[in-house]
């Protein structure tokens, strides 16, 4: 499990601790009840902190940022791949999709460029104007 330094984890009842400072979680088995669900062992303290949350909930909070970063990276890579494919479509096909299906690929290319930060420019834009004479009425 990868833990990001500096991430604060809620232990319940106003208790927070840095995720990278937590060294162990042990469920409370005896006298378990409200406010007593997990013993949280932390660096620099001999006795554990008693948390009102379950060890599963605390672990989930400790790793959620890593999982979100991983999902965001995957989404960005997918957007970059899609952007590359859209840029590769011919200007004729782009116009057909816009006129017949109402799908404006130029709009989506610009939107994906803003998300990915890839401002290479859509290769079909200048070509679209220069080919208008070839396909009148389309």
Protein backbone atom coordinates (compact mmCIF):
# COMPACT_ATOMS: atom_id res chain seq x y z
CA UNK A 1 0.00 0.00 0.00
CA UNK A 2 1.31 3.44 -0.92
CA UNK A 3 0.74 6.23 1.60
CA UNK A 4 1.18 9.89 0.64
CA UNK A 5 3.04 11.98 3.18
CA UNK A 6 1.13 14.82 4.78
CA UNK A 7 -2.33 13.36 4.15
CA UNK A 8 -4.57 13.77 7.20
CA UNK A 9 -6.77 10.83 8.17
CA UNK A 10 -9.92 11.25 10.26
CA UNK A 11 -9.94 8.88 13.23
CA UNK A 12 -13.34 10.01 14.50
CA UNK A 13 -14.59 12.42 17.18
CA UNK A 14 -12.34 15.24 15.99
CA UNK A 15 -9.16 13.16 15.96
CA UNK A 16 -6.90 13.46 12.91
CA UNK A 17 -3.47 12.05 12.24
CA UNK A 18 -1.03 12.17 9.34
CA UNK A 19 -1.31 9.01 7.24
CA UNK A 20 2.46 8.59 7.02
CA UNK A 21 2.67 8.70 10.84
CA UNK A 22 0.32 5.76 11.36
CA UNK A 23 2.29 2.55 11.89
CA UNK A 24 -0.45 0.09 12.79
CA UNK A 25 -4.18 -0.52 13.14
CA UNK A 26 -5.67 -3.10 15.50
CA UNK A 27 -9.43 -3.60 15.92
CA UNK A 28 -10.66 -3.25 19.50
CA UNK A 29 -12.12 -6.62 20.46
CA UNK A 30 -12.85 -6.18 24.19
CA UNK A 31 -15.08 -3.32 25.37
CA UNK A 32 -15.76 -2.36 21.78
CA UNK A 33 -18.48 0.23 21.35
CA UNK A 34 -19.14 3.84 20.40
CA UNK A 35 -15.82 5.66 20.27
CA UNK A 36 -13.85 2.41 20.66
CA UNK A 37 -13.41 0.55 17.39
CA UNK A 38 -9.71 0.65 16.45
CA UNK A 39 -6.38 1.11 18.19
CA UNK A 40 -4.21 3.31 15.97
CA UNK A 41 -0.48 3.06 16.59
CA UNK A 42 1.43 6.19 15.61
CA UNK A 43 5.06 7.22 15.49
CA UNK A 44 6.33 8.93 18.62
CA UNK A 45 3.64 7.65 20.99
CA UNK A 46 3.97 4.62 23.24
CA UNK A 47 0.22 4.10 23.60
CA UNK A 48 -2.19 3.77 20.68
CA UNK A 49 -4.90 6.30 19.92
CA UNK A 50 -8.38 4.81 20.24
CA UNK A 51 -10.38 5.68 17.12
CA UNK A 52 -14.15 5.56 16.69
CA UNK A 53 -13.83 4.31 13.10
CA UNK A 54 -13.14 0.82 11.84
CA UNK A 55 -9.69 -0.16 10.61
CA UNK A 56 -11.15 -0.70 7.11
CA UNK A 57 -12.51 2.86 6.98
CA UNK A 58 -9.20 4.31 8.18
CA UNK A 59 -7.23 2.25 5.65
CA UNK A 60 -9.57 3.34 2.87
CA UNK A 61 -8.96 7.00 3.73
CA UNK A 62 -5.21 6.41 3.82
CA UNK A 63 -5.14 4.99 0.31
CA UNK A 64 -7.99 6.88 -1.39
CA UNK A 65 -5.78 9.72 -2.66
CA UNK A 66 -3.41 7.23 -4.29
CA UNK A 67 -6.30 5.44 -6.00
CA UNK A 68 -7.79 8.75 -7.19
CA UNK A 69 -4.42 9.82 -8.59
CA UNK A 70 -4.13 6.49 -10.38
CA UNK A 71 -7.62 6.84 -11.89
CA UNK A 72 -6.90 10.42 -12.95
CA UNK A 73 -3.69 9.31 -14.67
CA UNK A 74 -5.56 6.54 -16.52
CA UNK A 75 -8.26 9.02 -17.62
CA UNK A 76 -5.65 11.47 -18.88
CA UNK A 77 -3.89 8.72 -20.85
CA UNK A 78 -7.24 7.64 -22.36
CA UNK A 79 -8.01 11.26 -23.30
CA UNK A 80 -4.59 11.60 -24.95
CA UNK A 81 -5.13 8.39 -26.92
CA UNK A 82 -8.57 9.55 -28.05
CA UNK A 83 -7.19 12.97 -29.01
CA UNK A 84 -4.51 11.31 -31.15
CA UNK A 85 -7.14 9.17 -32.91
CA UNK A 86 -9.46 12.14 -33.52
CA UNK A 87 -6.62 14.18 -34.97
CA UNK A 88 -5.93 11.34 -37.39
CA UNK A 89 -9.43 11.40 -38.93
CA UNK A 90 -9.71 12.92 -42.37
CA UNK A 91 -11.30 16.36 -42.77
CA UNK A 92 -13.96 14.84 -45.04
CA UNK A 93 -15.01 12.37 -42.34
CA UNK A 94 -15.03 15.16 -39.74
CA UNK A 95 -17.39 17.25 -41.90
CA UNK A 96 -19.64 14.25 -42.56
CA UNK A 97 -19.93 13.52 -38.84
CA UNK A 98 -20.70 17.17 -38.13
CA UNK A 99 -23.32 17.57 -40.87
CA UNK A 100 -24.95 14.13 -40.73
CA UNK A 101 -24.66 13.27 -37.06
CA UNK A 102 -24.25 16.63 -35.35
CA UNK A 103 -20.91 15.52 -33.88
CA UNK A 104 -18.47 18.43 -33.94
CA UNK A 105 -15.07 16.74 -33.63
CA UNK A 106 -13.25 20.08 -33.72
CA UNK A 107 -15.05 21.04 -30.50
CA UNK A 108 -14.05 17.75 -28.84
CA UNK A 109 -10.47 18.03 -30.05
CA UNK A 110 -10.19 21.49 -28.48
CA UNK A 111 -11.80 20.22 -25.28
CA UNK A 112 -9.45 17.22 -25.05
CA UNK A 113 -6.47 19.50 -25.77
CA UNK A 114 -7.43 21.67 -22.81
CA UNK A 115 -7.77 18.62 -20.54
CA UNK A 116 -4.52 16.96 -21.60
CA UNK A 117 -2.53 20.16 -22.11
CA UNK A 118 -1.55 18.90 -25.57
CA UNK A 119 -1.92 21.98 -27.79
CA UNK A 120 -0.52 20.46 -30.95
CA UNK A 121 -3.44 21.86 -32.90
CA UNK A 122 -5.99 19.99 -34.93
CA UNK A 123 -4.38 19.10 -38.25
CA UNK A 124 -7.65 19.16 -40.16
CA UNK A 125 -8.70 22.72 -39.42
CA UNK A 126 -6.76 24.51 -42.16
CA UNK A 127 -7.42 21.66 -44.57
CA UNK A 128 -11.17 21.91 -43.95
CA UNK A 129 -11.27 25.45 -45.32
CA UNK A 130 -9.09 24.64 -48.30
CA UNK A 131 -11.27 21.66 -49.27
CA UNK A 132 -14.60 23.47 -49.14
CA UNK A 133 -14.40 24.03 -52.90
CA UNK A 134 -14.05 20.31 -53.54
CA UNK A 135 -17.37 19.40 -51.91
CA UNK A 136 -19.93 22.15 -52.51
CA UNK A 137 -23.15 21.77 -50.58
CA UNK A 138 -21.76 19.29 -48.02
